[in-house]
Amino acid sequence: MGFPDVKAADHHIQVGGRPAFTYFEAGEVRVGYDGTPPEGARAVPFAGWEQLTGVVAVSTVLAQSAIDSVVILGGLTAVPEMLIDTDDFVRPIWRGGVLTLVTQFGRGSVLIPFESAAQRPCCEDH
């Protein structure tokens, strides 16, 4: 199913009552719910997403959700003791067949998800 006028994946998409994943193909946002998600597909929602609010440890993310890997921009793997300030929004992607949360460093060495709920086009303000 495609959506030609949607510029980004929406949050909390369900198809037939089941969580779906979104991906870009041929310049459109596509929604899938069966089969293997393509590389870079976003999981919206996913098992355990409701638990990932506020500040949580990487170990909690891995133990209580479908996310199998937490990485930091630049290729580092987050260690279980690190904290993630989710700001109540987490959208992992499929990388190499693994549901992966991409993060970056925020204040005080606390991680934050790379993708935020309020997307803003790059260089919009200058």
PDB file of N, CA and C in Angstrom:
ATOM      1  N   MET A   1       0.863  -1.158   0.000  1.00  0.00           N
ATOM      2  CA  MET A   1       0.000   0.000   0.000  1.00  0.00           C
ATOM      3  C   MET A   1       0.909   1.220   0.000  1.00  0.00           C
ATOM      4  N   GLY A   2       0.677   2.197  -0.884  1.00  0.00           N
ATOM      5  CA  GLY A   2       1.519   3.378  -0.996  1.00  0.00           C
ATOM      6  C   GLY A   2       0.768   4.657  -0.704  1.00  0.00           C
ATOM      7  N   PHE A   3       1.535   5.673  -0.309  1.00  0.00           N
ATOM      8  CA  PHE A   3       0.972   6.981   0.023  1.00  0.00           C
ATOM      9  C   PHE A   3       1.826   8.042  -0.663  1.00  0.00           C
ATOM     10  N   PRO A   4       1.467   8.462  -1.884  1.00  0.00           N
ATOM     11  CA  PRO A   4       2.317   9.361  -2.647  1.00  0.00           C
ATOM     12  C   PRO A   4       2.486  10.750  -2.045  1.00  0.00           C
ATOM     13  N   ASP A   5       1.541  11.244  -1.246  1.00  0.00           N
ATOM     14  CA  ASP A   5       1.693  12.594  -0.703  1.00  0.00           C
ATOM     15  C   ASP A   5       2.198  12.619   0.731  1.00  0.00           C
ATOM     16  N   VAL A   6       2.612  11.493   1.272  1.00  0.00           N
ATOM     17  CA  VAL A   6       3.174  11.463   2.626  1.00  0.00           C
ATOM     18  C   VAL A   6       4.686  11.572   2.502  1.00  0.00           C
ATOM     19  N   LYS A   7       5.276  12.516   3.226  1.00  0.00           N
ATOM     20  CA  LYS A   7       6.709  12.769   3.122  1.00  0.00           C
ATOM     21  C   LYS A   7       7.535  11.980   4.127  1.00  0.00           C
ATOM     22  N   ALA A   8       6.918  11.478   5.187  1.00  0.00           N
ATOM     23  CA  ALA A   8       7.649  10.731   6.208  1.00  0.00           C
ATOM     24  C   ALA A   8       6.721   9.708   6.827  1.00  0.00           C
ATOM     25  N   ALA A   9       7.313   8.747   7.488  1.00  0.00           N
ATOM     26  CA  ALA A   9       6.523   7.702   8.133  1.00  0.00           C
ATOM     27  C   ALA A   9       5.740   8.277   9.302  1.00  0.00           C
ATOM     28  N   ASP A  10       4.504   7.849   9.449  1.00  0.00           N
ATOM     29  CA  ASP A  10       3.675   8.286  10.565  1.00  0.00           C
ATOM     30  C   ASP A  10       3.922   7.372  11.756  1.00  0.00           C
ATOM     31  N   HIS A  11       3.495   7.800  12.923  1.00  0.00           N
ATOM     32  CA  HIS A  11       3.681   7.021  14.140  1.00  0.00           C
ATOM     33  C   HIS A  11       2.411   6.223  14.425  1.00  0.00           C
ATOM     34  N   HIS A  12       2.536   5.042  14.950  1.00  0.00           N
ATOM     35  CA  HIS A  12       1.422   4.185  15.371  1.00  0.00           C
ATOM     36  C   HIS A  12       0.564   3.710  14.202  1.00  0.00           C
ATOM     37  N   ILE A  13       1.175   3.277  13.138  1.00  0.00           N
ATOM     38  CA  ILE A  13       0.427   2.735  12.009  1.00  0.00           C
ATOM     39  C   ILE A  13       0.078   1.282  12.306  1.00  0.00           C
ATOM     40  N   GLN A  14      -1.169   0.933  12.070  1.00  0.00           N
ATOM     41  CA  GLN A  14      -1.595  -0.456  12.175  1.00  0.00           C
ATOM     42  C   GLN A  14      -2.399  -0.800  10.934  1.00  0.00           C
ATOM     43  N   VAL A  15      -2.249  -2.026  10.482  1.00  0.00           N
ATOM     44  CA  VAL A  15      -2.997  -2.521   9.333  1.00  0.00           C
ATOM     45  C   VAL A  15      -3.704  -3.782   9.791  1.00  0.00           C
ATOM     46  N   GLY A  16      -5.018  -3.804   9.698  1.00  0.00           N
ATOM     47  CA  GLY A  16      -5.774  -4.964  10.138  1.00  0.00           C
ATOM     48  C   GLY A  16      -5.570  -5.275  11.613  1.00  0.00           C
ATOM     49  N   GLY A  17      -5.339  -4.224  12.426  1.00  0.00           N
ATOM     50  CA  GLY A  17      -5.141  -4.419  13.860  1.00  0.00           C
ATOM     51  C   GLY A  17      -3.752  -4.883  14.241  1.00  0.00           C
ATOM     52  N   ARG A  18      -2.856  -5.029  13.250  1.00  0.00           N
ATOM     53  CA  ARG A  18      -1.493  -5.477  13.528  1.00  0.00           C
ATOM     54  C   ARG A  18      -0.508  -4.344  13.286  1.00  0.00           C
ATOM     55  N   PRO A  19       0.592  -4.307  14.071  1.00  0.00           N
ATOM     56  CA  PRO A  19       1.619  -3.294  13.817  1.00  0.00           C
ATOM     57  C   PRO A  19       2.176  -3.432  12.409  1.00  0.00           C
ATOM     58  N   ALA A  20       2.464  -2.311  11.820  1.00  0.00           N
ATOM     59  CA  ALA A  20       3.010  -2.283  10.469  1.00  0.00           C
ATOM     60  C   ALA A  20       4.416  -1.696  10.496  1.00  0.00           C
ATOM     61  N   PHE A  21       5.077  -1.760   9.353  1.00  0.00           N
ATOM     62  CA  PHE A  21       6.362  -1.087   9.187  1.00  0.00           C
ATOM     63  C   PHE A  21       6.245  -0.197   7.958  1.00  0.00           C
ATOM     64  N   THR A  22       7.032   0.872   7.943  1.00  0.00           N
ATOM     65  CA  THR A  22       7.002   1.788   6.809  1.00  0.00           C
ATOM     66  C   THR A  22       8.372   1.818   6.152  1.00  0.00           C
ATOM     67  N   TYR A  23       8.377   2.118   4.864  1.00  0.00           N
ATOM     68  CA  TYR A  23       9.622   2.223   4.119  1.00  0.00           C
ATOM     69  C   TYR A  23       9.369   3.081   2.892  1.00  0.00           C
ATOM     70  N   PHE A  24      10.446   3.582   2.294  1.00  0.00           N
ATOM     71  CA  PHE A  24      10.327   4.383   1.081  1.00  0.00           C
ATOM     72  C   PHE A  24      10.634   3.518  -0.126  1.00  0.00           C
ATOM     73  N   GLU A  25       9.813   3.667  -1.153  1.00  0.00           N
ATOM     74  CA  GLU A  25      10.039   2.965  -2.410  1.00  0.00           C
ATOM     75  C   GLU A  25       9.452   3.799  -3.534  1.00  0.00           C
ATOM     76  N   ALA A  26      10.207   4.001  -4.573  1.00  0.00           N
ATOM     77  CA  ALA A  26       9.759   4.758  -5.744  1.00  0.00           C
ATOM     78  C   ALA A  26       9.221   6.129  -5.359  1.00  0.00           C
ATOM     79  N   GLY A  27       9.878   6.785  -4.379  1.00  0.00           N
ATOM     80  CA  GLY A  27       9.498   8.132  -3.980  1.00  0.00           C
ATOM     81  C   GLY A  27       8.254   8.226  -3.129  1.00  0.00           C
ATOM     82  N   GLU A  28       7.752   7.096  -2.631  1.00  0.00           N
ATOM     83  CA  GLU A  28       6.545   7.092  -1.802  1.00  0.00           C
ATOM     84  C   GLU A  28       6.814   6.374  -0.491  1.00  0.00           C
ATOM     85  N   VAL A  29       6.028   6.735   0.519  1.00  0.00           N
ATOM     86  CA  VAL A  29       6.020   5.966   1.755  1.00  0.00           C
ATOM     87  C   VAL A  29       5.145   4.750   1.512  1.00  0.00           C
ATOM     88  N   ARG A  30       5.657   3.593   1.817  1.00  0.00           N
ATOM     89  CA  ARG A  30       4.910   2.341   1.695  1.00  0.00           C
ATOM     90  C   ARG A  30       4.692   1.763   3.085  1.00  0.00           C
ATOM     91  N   VAL A  31       3.619   1.020   3.249  1.00  0.00           N
ATOM     92  CA  VAL A  31       3.307   0.361   4.508  1.00  0.00           C
ATOM     93  C   VAL A  31       3.247  -1.131   4.263  1.00  0.00           C
ATOM     94  N   GLY A  32       3.951  -1.893   5.084  1.00  0.00           N
ATOM     95  CA  GLY A  32       3.928  -3.340   4.995  1.00  0.00           C
ATOM     96  C   GLY A  32       3.583  -3.937   6.341  1.00  0.00           C
ATOM     97  N   TYR A  33       3.116  -5.163   6.336  1.00  0.00           N
ATOM     98  CA  TYR A  33       2.801  -5.825   7.602  1.00  0.00           C
ATOM     99  C   TYR A  33       3.045  -7.321   7.527  1.00  0.00           C
ATOM    100  N   ASP A  34       3.370  -7.836   6.377  1.00  0.00           N
ATOM    101  CA  ASP A  34       3.689  -9.249   6.215  1.00  0.00           C
ATOM    102  C   ASP A  34       5.097  -9.374   5.648  1.00  0.00           C
ATOM    103  N   GLY A  35       5.730 -10.480   5.941  1.00  0.00           N
ATOM    104  CA  GLY A  35       7.043 -10.742   5.378  1.00  0.00           C
ATOM    105  C   GLY A  35       8.146 -10.008   6.105  1.00  0.00           C
ATOM    106  N   THR A  36       9.305 -10.061   5.520  1.00  0.00           N
ATOM    107  CA  THR A  36      10.488  -9.441   6.103  1.00  0.00           C
ATOM    108  C   THR A  36      10.537  -7.972   5.695  1.00  0.00           C
ATOM    109  N   PRO A  37      10.655  -7.079   6.663  1.00  0.00           N
ATOM    110  CA  PRO A  37      10.771  -5.659   6.310  1.00  0.00           C
ATOM    111  C   PRO A  37      12.056  -5.403   5.524  1.00  0.00           C
ATOM    112  N   PRO A  38      12.009  -4.513   4.545  1.00  0.00           N
ATOM    113  CA  PRO A  38      13.224  -4.202   3.793  1.00  0.00           C
ATOM    114  C   PRO A  38      14.223  -3.421   4.648  1.00  0.00           C
ATOM    115  N   GLU A  39      15.457  -3.424   4.218  1.00  0.00           N
ATOM    116  CA  GLU A  39      16.508  -2.678   4.918  1.00  0.00           C
ATOM    117  C   GLU A  39      16.080  -1.214   5.081  1.00  0.00           C
ATOM    118  N   GLY A  40      16.210  -0.686   6.291  1.00  0.00           N
ATOM    119  CA  GLY A  40      15.860   0.702   6.572  1.00  0.00           C
ATOM    120  C   GLY A  40      14.407   0.948   6.902  1.00  0.00           C
ATOM    121  N   ALA A  41      13.568  -0.097   6.863  1.00  0.00           N
ATOM    122  CA  ALA A  41      12.147   0.082   7.221  1.00  0.00           C
ATOM    123  C   ALA A  41      12.045   0.486   8.677  1.00  0.00           C
ATOM    124  N   ARG A  42      11.037   1.299   8.985  1.00  0.00           N
ATOM    125  CA  ARG A  42      10.801   1.745  10.357  1.00  0.00           C
ATOM    126  C   ARG A  42       9.698   0.906  10.970  1.00  0.00           C
ATOM    127  N   ALA A  43       9.876   0.529  12.233  1.00  0.00           N
ATOM    128  CA  ALA A  43       8.856  -0.225  12.955  1.00  0.00           C
ATOM    129  C   ALA A  43       7.935   0.758  13.668  1.00  0.00           C
ATOM    130  N   VAL A  44       6.648   0.729  13.332  1.00  0.00           N
ATOM    131  CA  VAL A  44       5.663   1.643  13.930  1.00  0.00           C
ATOM    132  C   VAL A  44       4.333   0.961  14.100  1.00  0.00           C
ATOM    133  N   PRO A  45       3.912   0.594  15.264  1.00  0.00           N
ATOM    134  CA  PRO A  45       4.701   0.399  16.486  1.00  0.00           C
ATOM    135  C   PRO A  45       5.354  -0.982  16.477  1.00  0.00           C
ATOM    136  N   PHE A  46       5.845  -1.436  17.606  1.00  0.00           N
ATOM    137  CA  PHE A  46       6.523  -2.720  17.722  1.00  0.00           C
ATOM    138  C   PHE A  46       6.314  -3.228  19.143  1.00  0.00           C
ATOM    139  N   ALA A  47       6.562  -4.495  19.353  1.00  0.00           N
ATOM    140  CA  ALA A  47       6.344  -5.089  20.679  1.00  0.00           C
ATOM    141  C   ALA A  47       7.168  -4.362  21.736  1.00  0.00           C
ATOM    142  N   GLY A  48       6.502  -3.923  22.795  1.00  0.00           N
ATOM    143  CA  GLY A  48       7.170  -3.267  23.915  1.00  0.00           C
ATOM    144  C   GLY A  48       7.351  -1.772  23.794  1.00  0.00           C
ATOM    145  N   TRP A  49       6.878  -1.162  22.711  1.00  0.00           N
ATOM    146  CA  TRP A  49       7.091   0.281  22.536  1.00  0.00           C
ATOM    147  C   TRP A  49       6.471   1.100  23.657  1.00  0.00           C
ATOM    148  N   GLU A  50       5.375   0.599  24.244  1.00  0.00           N
ATOM    149  CA  GLU A  50       4.696   1.345  25.310  1.00  0.00           C
ATOM    150  C   GLU A  50       5.563   1.481  26.559  1.00  0.00           C
ATOM    151  N   GLN A  51       6.509   0.572  26.747  1.00  0.00           N
ATOM    152  CA  GLN A  51       7.385   0.573  27.928  1.00  0.00           C
ATOM    153  C   GLN A  51       8.505   1.604  27.829  1.00  0.00           C
ATOM    154  N   LEU A  52       8.774   2.090  26.643  1.00  0.00           N
ATOM    155  CA  LEU A  52       9.960   2.910  26.406  1.00  0.00           C
ATOM    156  C   LEU A  52       9.641   4.394  26.524  1.00  0.00           C
ATOM    157  N   THR A  53       9.340   4.820  27.739  1.00  0.00           N
ATOM    158  CA  THR A  53       9.036   6.223  28.005  1.00  0.00           C
ATOM    159  C   THR A  53      10.031   6.767  29.023  1.00  0.00           C
ATOM    160  N   GLY A  54      10.269   8.053  28.945  1.00  0.00           N
ATOM    161  CA  GLY A  54      11.198   8.682  29.877  1.00  0.00           C
ATOM    162  C   GLY A  54      12.623   8.217  29.631  1.00  0.00           C
ATOM    163  N   VAL A  55      13.377   8.129  30.723  1.00  0.00           N
ATOM    164  CA  VAL A  55      14.773   7.699  30.643  1.00  0.00           C
ATOM    165  C   VAL A  55      14.845   6.220  31.011  1.00  0.00           C
ATOM    166  N   VAL A  56      15.397   5.422  30.114  1.00  0.00           N
ATOM    167  CA  VAL A  56      15.516   3.982  30.338  1.00  0.00           C
ATOM    168  C   VAL A  56      16.934   3.524  29.990  1.00  0.00           C
ATOM    169  N   ALA A  57      17.358   2.448  30.618  1.00  0.00           N
ATOM    170  CA  ALA A  57      18.672   1.875  30.325  1.00  0.00           C
ATOM    171  C   ALA A  57      18.611   1.092  29.013  1.00  0.00           C
ATOM    172  N   VAL A  58      19.723   1.031  28.334  1.00  0.00           N
ATOM    173  CA  VAL A  58      19.820   0.234  27.118  1.00  0.00           C
ATOM    174  C   VAL A  58      19.417  -1.206  27.414  1.00  0.00           C
ATOM    175  N   SER A  59      19.812  -1.723  28.564  1.00  0.00           N
ATOM    176  CA  SER A  59      19.456  -3.097  28.934  1.00  0.00           C
ATOM    177  C   SER A  59      17.941  -3.284  28.999  1.00  0.00           C
ATOM    178  N   THR A  60      17.216  -2.271  29.450  1.00  0.00           N
ATOM    179  CA  THR A  60      15.753  -2.326  29.509  1.00  0.00           C
ATOM    180  C   THR A  60      15.163  -2.347  28.111  1.00  0.00           C
ATOM    181  N   VAL A  61      15.689  -1.525  27.232  1.00  0.00           N
ATOM    182  CA  VAL A  61      15.219  -1.488  25.844  1.00  0.00           C
ATOM    183  C   VAL A  61      15.359  -2.874  25.213  1.00  0.00           C
ATOM    184  N   LEU A  62      16.516  -3.495  25.426  1.00  0.00           N
ATOM    185  CA  LEU A  62      16.782  -4.796  24.818  1.00  0.00           C
ATOM    186  C   LEU A  62      15.966  -5.915  25.452  1.00  0.00           C
ATOM    187  N   ALA A  63      15.705  -5.814  26.750  1.00  0.00           N
ATOM    188  CA  ALA A  63      14.983  -6.879  27.459  1.00  0.00           C
ATOM    189  C   ALA A  63      13.470  -6.778  27.339  1.00  0.00           C
ATOM    190  N   GLN A  64      12.943  -5.553  27.219  1.00  0.00           N
ATOM    191  CA  GLN A  64      11.495  -5.370  27.309  1.00  0.00           C
ATOM    192  C   GLN A  64      10.833  -4.952  26.006  1.00  0.00           C
ATOM    193  N   SER A  65      11.579  -4.974  24.909  1.00  0.00           N
ATOM    194  CA  SER A  65      10.974  -4.607  23.629  1.00  0.00           C
ATOM    195  C   SER A  65      11.520  -5.506  22.527  1.00  0.00           C
ATOM    196  N   ALA A  66      10.985  -5.336  21.340  1.00  0.00           N
ATOM    197  CA  ALA A  66      11.424  -6.118  20.177  1.00  0.00           C
ATOM    198  C   ALA A  66      12.750  -5.620  19.614  1.00  0.00           C
ATOM    199  N   ILE A  67      13.256  -4.506  20.139  1.00  0.00           N
ATOM    200  CA  ILE A  67      14.527  -3.967  19.664  1.00  0.00           C
ATOM    201  C   ILE A  67      15.657  -4.912  20.075  1.00  0.00           C
ATOM    202  N   ASP A  68      16.490  -5.292  19.100  1.00  0.00           N
ATOM    203  CA  ASP A  68      17.580  -6.238  19.344  1.00  0.00           C
ATOM    204  C   ASP A  68      18.953  -5.589  19.409  1.00  0.00           C
ATOM    205  N   SER A  69      19.043  -4.323  19.003  1.00  0.00           N
ATOM    206  CA  SER A  69      20.340  -3.658  18.977  1.00  0.00           C
ATOM    207  C   SER A  69      20.143  -2.160  19.185  1.00  0.00           C
ATOM    208  N   VAL A  70      21.045  -1.552  19.957  1.00  0.00           N
ATOM    209  CA  VAL A  70      21.065  -0.097  20.120  1.00  0.00           C
ATOM    210  C   VAL A  70      22.446   0.362  19.686  1.00  0.00           C
ATOM    211  N   VAL A  71      22.474   1.230  18.682  1.00  0.00           N
ATOM    212  CA  VAL A  71      23.740   1.746  18.165  1.00  0.00           C
ATOM    213  C   VAL A  71      23.778   3.259  18.327  1.00  0.00           C
ATOM    214  N   ILE A  72      24.995   3.773  18.316  1.00  0.00           N
ATOM    215  CA  ILE A  72      25.229   5.219  18.426  1.00  0.00           C
ATOM    216  C   ILE A  72      25.783   5.682  17.087  1.00  0.00           C
ATOM    217  N   LEU A  73      25.324   6.831  16.613  1.00  0.00           N
ATOM    218  CA  LEU A  73      25.843   7.371  15.346  1.00  0.00           C
ATOM    219  C   LEU A  73      27.359   7.293  15.329  1.00  0.00           C
ATOM    220  N   GLY A  74      27.906   6.895  14.222  1.00  0.00           N
ATOM    221  CA  GLY A  74      29.345   6.733  14.106  1.00  0.00           C
ATOM    222  C   GLY A  74      29.763   5.281  14.199  1.00  0.00           C
ATOM    223  N   GLY A  75      28.802   4.380  14.429  1.00  0.00           N
ATOM    224  CA  GLY A  75      29.108   2.957  14.409  1.00  0.00           C
ATOM    225  C   GLY A  75      29.372   2.306  15.751  1.00  0.00           C
ATOM    226  N   LEU A  76      29.210   3.038  16.838  1.00  0.00           N
ATOM    227  CA  LEU A  76      29.414   2.437  18.154  1.00  0.00           C
ATOM    228  C   LEU A  76      28.181   1.655  18.591  1.00  0.00           C
ATOM    229  N   THR A  77      28.378   0.617  19.370  1.00  0.00           N
ATOM    230  CA  THR A  77      27.278  -0.124  19.966  1.00  0.00           C
ATOM    231  C   THR A  77      27.116   0.352  21.398  1.00  0.00           C
ATOM    232  N   ALA A  78      25.895   0.693  21.786  1.00  0.00           N
ATOM    233  CA  ALA A  78      25.627   1.160  23.148  1.00  0.00           C
ATOM    234  C   ALA A  78      25.775  -0.003  24.124  1.00  0.00           C
ATOM    235  N   VAL A  79      26.332   0.278  25.288  1.00  0.00           N
ATOM    236  CA  VAL A  79      26.484  -0.758  26.315  1.00  0.00           C
ATOM    237  C   VAL A  79      25.247  -0.754  27.206  1.00  0.00           C
ATOM    238  N   PRO A  80      24.927  -1.887  27.829  1.00  0.00           N
ATOM    239  CA  PRO A  80      23.685  -2.024  28.600  1.00  0.00           C
ATOM    240  C   PRO A  80      23.482  -0.973  29.688  1.00  0.00           C
ATOM    241  N   GLU A  81      24.547  -0.453  30.275  1.00  0.00           N
ATOM    242  CA  GLU A  81      24.420   0.504  31.380  1.00  0.00           C
ATOM    243  C   GLU A  81      24.084   1.919  30.921  1.00  0.00           C
ATOM    244  N   MET A  82      24.248   2.204  29.650  1.00  0.00           N
ATOM    245  CA  MET A  82      23.978   3.557  29.152  1.00  0.00           C
ATOM    246  C   MET A  82      22.490   3.858  29.257  1.00  0.00           C
ATOM    247  N   LEU A  83      22.165   5.141  29.421  1.00  0.00           N
ATOM    248  CA  LEU A  83      20.777   5.582  29.529  1.00  0.00           C
ATOM    249  C   LEU A  83      20.337   6.252  28.227  1.00  0.00           C
ATOM    250  N   ILE A  84      19.050   6.084  27.925  1.00  0.00           N
ATOM    251  CA  ILE A  84      18.447   6.721  26.751  1.00  0.00           C
ATOM    252  C   ILE A  84      17.271   7.557  27.228  1.00  0.00           C
ATOM    253  N   ASP A  85      17.289   8.847  26.911  1.00  0.00           N
ATOM    254  CA  ASP A  85      16.132   9.714  27.172  1.00  0.00           C
ATOM    255  C   ASP A  85      15.243   9.635  25.944  1.00  0.00           C
ATOM    256  N   THR A  86      14.180   8.852  26.037  1.00  0.00           N
ATOM    257  CA  THR A  86      13.332   8.588  24.872  1.00  0.00           C
ATOM    258  C   THR A  86      12.452   9.761  24.473  1.00  0.00           C
ATOM    259  N   ASP A  87      12.221  10.690  25.400  1.00  0.00           N
ATOM    260  CA  ASP A  87      11.262  11.775  25.159  1.00  0.00           C
ATOM    261  C   ASP A  87       9.923  11.183  24.694  1.00  0.00           C
ATOM    262  N   ASP A  88       9.664   9.959  25.171  1.00  0.00           N
ATOM    263  CA  ASP A  88       8.422   9.224  24.893  1.00  0.00           C
ATOM    264  C   ASP A  88       8.203   8.921  23.419  1.00  0.00           C
ATOM    265  N   PHE A  89       9.299   8.792  22.658  1.00  0.00           N
ATOM    266  CA  PHE A  89       9.196   8.465  21.238  1.00  0.00           C
ATOM    267  C   PHE A  89      10.413   7.653  20.818  1.00  0.00           C
ATOM    268  N   VAL A  90      10.172   6.443  20.345  1.00  0.00           N
ATOM    269  CA  VAL A  90      11.245   5.574  19.869  1.00  0.00           C
ATOM    270  C   VAL A  90      10.786   4.929  18.569  1.00  0.00           C
ATOM    271  N   ARG A  91      11.570   5.087  17.502  1.00  0.00           N
ATOM    272  CA  ARG A  91      11.227   4.468  16.228  1.00  0.00           C
ATOM    273  C   ARG A  91      12.476   3.771  15.675  1.00  0.00           C
ATOM    274  N   PRO A  92      12.601   2.459  15.930  1.00  0.00           N
ATOM    275  CA  PRO A  92      13.752   1.722  15.411  1.00  0.00           C
ATOM    276  C   PRO A  92      13.609   1.425  13.928  1.00  0.00           C
ATOM    277  N   ILE A  93      14.729   1.026  13.328  1.00  0.00           N
ATOM    278  CA  ILE A  93      14.739   0.652  11.911  1.00  0.00           C
ATOM    279  C   ILE A  93      15.299  -0.753  11.770  1.00  0.00           C
ATOM    280  N   TRP A  94      15.036  -1.359  10.623  1.00  0.00           N
ATOM    281  CA  TRP A  94      15.576  -2.676  10.326  1.00  0.00           C
ATOM    282  C   TRP A  94      16.929  -2.500   9.650  1.00  0.00           C
ATOM    283  N   ARG A  95      17.974  -3.075  10.263  1.00  0.00           N
ATOM    284  CA  ARG A  95      19.326  -3.058   9.708  1.00  0.00           C
ATOM    285  C   ARG A  95      19.851  -4.485   9.714  1.00  0.00           C
ATOM    286  N   GLY A  96      20.139  -5.010   8.556  1.00  0.00           N
ATOM    287  CA  GLY A  96      20.666  -6.371   8.477  1.00  0.00           C
ATOM    288  C   GLY A  96      19.744  -7.403   9.097  1.00  0.00           C
ATOM    289  N   GLY A  97      18.427  -7.161   8.995  1.00  0.00           N
ATOM    290  CA  GLY A  97      17.456  -8.089   9.547  1.00  0.00           C
ATOM    291  C   GLY A  97      17.264  -7.981  11.052  1.00  0.00           C
ATOM    292  N   VAL A  98      17.863  -6.968  11.666  1.00  0.00           N
ATOM    293  CA  VAL A  98      17.788  -6.771  13.114  1.00  0.00           C
ATOM    294  C   VAL A  98      17.079  -5.450  13.403  1.00  0.00           C
ATOM    295  N   LEU A  99      16.113  -5.462  14.309  1.00  0.00           N
ATOM    296  CA  LEU A  99      15.437  -4.228  14.705  1.00  0.00           C
ATOM    297  C   LEU A  99      16.408  -3.417  15.567  1.00  0.00           C
ATOM    298  N   THR A 100      16.793  -2.243  15.074  1.00  0.00           N
ATOM    299  CA  THR A 100      17.896  -1.464  15.632  1.00  0.00           C
ATOM    300  C   THR A 100      17.432  -0.052  15.982  1.00  0.00           C
ATOM    301  N   LEU A 101      17.757   0.384  17.192  1.00  0.00           N
ATOM    302  CA  LEU A 101      17.495   1.765  17.591  1.00  0.00           C
ATOM    303  C   LEU A 101      18.772   2.566  17.387  1.00  0.00           C
ATOM    304  N   VAL A 102      18.708   3.570  16.529  1.00  0.00           N
ATOM    305  CA  VAL A 102      19.853   4.448  16.280  1.00  0.00           C
ATOM    306  C   VAL A 102      19.743   5.632  17.232  1.00  0.00           C
ATOM    307  N   THR A 103      20.827   5.898  17.962  1.00  0.00           N
ATOM    308  CA  THR A 103      20.845   6.980  18.948  1.00  0.00           C
ATOM    309  C   THR A 103      22.016   7.919  18.672  1.00  0.00           C
ATOM    310  N   GLN A 104      22.025   9.004  19.417  1.00  0.00           N
ATOM    311  CA  GLN A 104      23.148   9.940  19.414  1.00  0.00           C
ATOM    312  C   GLN A 104      23.312  10.455  20.833  1.00  0.00           C
ATOM    313  N   PHE A 105      24.451  11.059  21.098  1.00  0.00           N
ATOM    314  CA  PHE A 105      24.678  11.576  22.444  1.00  0.00           C
ATOM    315  C   PHE A 105      23.881  12.861  22.653  1.00  0.00           C
ATOM    316  N   GLY A 106      23.232  12.951  23.802  1.00  0.00           N
ATOM    317  CA  GLY A 106      22.540  14.151  24.229  1.00  0.00           C
ATOM    318  C   GLY A 106      23.325  14.786  25.372  1.00  0.00           C
ATOM    319  N   ARG A 107      22.664  15.506  26.225  1.00  0.00           N
ATOM    320  CA  ARG A 107      23.327  16.153  27.356  1.00  0.00           C
ATOM    321  C   ARG A 107      23.766  15.141  28.404  1.00  0.00           C
ATOM    322  N   GLY A 108      24.915  15.396  28.991  1.00  0.00           N
ATOM    323  CA  GLY A 108      25.393  14.567  30.082  1.00  0.00           C
ATOM    324  C   GLY A 108      25.660  13.128  29.696  1.00  0.00           C
ATOM    325  N   SER A 109      26.042  12.888  28.465  1.00  0.00           N
ATOM    326  CA  SER A 109      26.342  11.548  27.955  1.00  0.00           C
ATOM    327  C   SER A 109      25.143  10.613  27.930  1.00  0.00           C
ATOM    328  N   VAL A 110      23.945  11.147  28.111  1.00  0.00           N
ATOM    329  CA  VAL A 110      22.731  10.344  27.965  1.00  0.00           C
ATOM    330  C   VAL A 110      22.408  10.281  26.478  1.00  0.00           C
ATOM    331  N   LEU A 111      22.034   9.104  26.018  1.00  0.00           N
ATOM    332  CA  LEU A 111      21.684   8.940  24.609  1.00  0.00           C
ATOM    333  C   LEU A 111      20.277   9.452  24.347  1.00  0.00           C
ATOM    334  N   ILE A 112      20.039   9.863  23.125  1.00  0.00           N
ATOM    335  CA  ILE A 112      18.694  10.217  22.668  1.00  0.00           C
ATOM    336  C   ILE A 112      18.483   9.545  21.320  1.00  0.00           C
ATOM    337  N   PRO A 113      17.234   9.167  21.002  1.00  0.00           N
ATOM    338  CA  PRO A 113      16.993   8.574  19.680  1.00  0.00           C
ATOM    339  C   PRO A 113      17.371   9.562  18.578  1.00  0.00           C
ATOM    340  N   PHE A 114      17.983   9.060  17.523  1.00  0.00           N
ATOM    341  CA  PHE A 114      18.354   9.914  16.405  1.00  0.00           C
ATOM    342  C   PHE A 114      17.125  10.508  15.735  1.00  0.00           C
ATOM    343  N   GLU A 115      16.079   9.702  15.586  1.00  0.00           N
ATOM    344  CA  GLU A 115      14.851  10.179  14.971  1.00  0.00           C
ATOM    345  C   GLU A 115      13.906  10.679  16.053  1.00  0.00           C
ATOM    346  N   SER A 116      13.506  11.927  15.958  1.00  0.00           N
ATOM    347  CA  SER A 116      12.601  12.494  16.953  1.00  0.00           C
ATOM    348  C   SER A 116      11.166  12.486  16.436  1.00  0.00           C
ATOM    349  N   ALA A 117      10.228  12.687  17.344  1.00  0.00           N
ATOM    350  CA  ALA A 117       8.805  12.706  16.974  1.00  0.00           C
ATOM    351  C   ALA A 117       8.491  13.888  16.057  1.00  0.00           C
ATOM    352  N   ALA A 118       9.154  14.999  16.268  1.00  0.00           N
ATOM    353  CA  ALA A 118       8.907  16.203  15.467  1.00  0.00           C
ATOM    354  C   ALA A 118      10.042  16.355  14.461  1.00  0.00           C
ATOM    355  N   GLN A 119       9.863  15.753  13.303  1.00  0.00           N
ATOM    356  CA  GLN A 119      10.887  15.819  12.267  1.00  0.00           C
ATOM    357  C   GLN A 119      10.950  17.215  11.663  1.00  0.00           C
ATOM    358  N   ARG A 120      12.175  17.654  11.390  1.00  0.00           N
ATOM    359  CA  ARG A 120      12.389  18.955  10.781  1.00  0.00           C
ATOM    360  C   ARG A 120      13.374  18.764   9.632  1.00  0.00           C
ATOM    361  N   PRO A 121      13.043  19.235   8.449  1.00  0.00           N
ATOM    362  CA  PRO A 121      13.986  19.069   7.333  1.00  0.00           C
ATOM    363  C   PRO A 121      15.346  19.683   7.652  1.00  0.00           C
ATOM    364  N   CYS A 122      16.382  19.028   7.220  1.00  0.00           N
ATOM    365  CA  CYS A 122      17.741  19.506   7.436  1.00  0.00           C
ATOM    366  C   CYS A 122      17.917  20.902   6.829  1.00  0.00           C
ATOM    367  N   CYS A 123      18.606  21.754   7.533  1.00  0.00           N
ATOM    368  CA  CYS A 123      18.949  23.105   7.064  1.00  0.00           C
ATOM    369  C   CYS A 123      17.727  24.006   6.886  1.00  0.00           C
ATOM    370  N   GLU A 124      16.608  23.649   7.508  1.00  0.00           N
ATOM    371  CA  GLU A 124      15.395  24.438   7.351  1.00  0.00           C
ATOM    372  C   GLU A 124      15.528  25.847   7.915  1.00  0.00           C
ATOM    373  N   ASP A 125      16.341  26.005   8.965  1.00  0.00           N
ATOM    374  CA  ASP A 125      16.374  27.288   9.667  1.00  0.00           C
ATOM    375  C   ASP A 125      17.568  28.155   9.292  1.00  0.00           C
ATOM    376  N   HIS A 126      18.255  27.845   8.207  1.00  0.00           N
ATOM    377  CA  HIS A 126      19.341  28.724   7.762  1.00  0.00           C
ATOM    378  C   HIS A 126      19.556  28.635   6.270  1.00  0.00           C
TER     379      HIS A 126
END
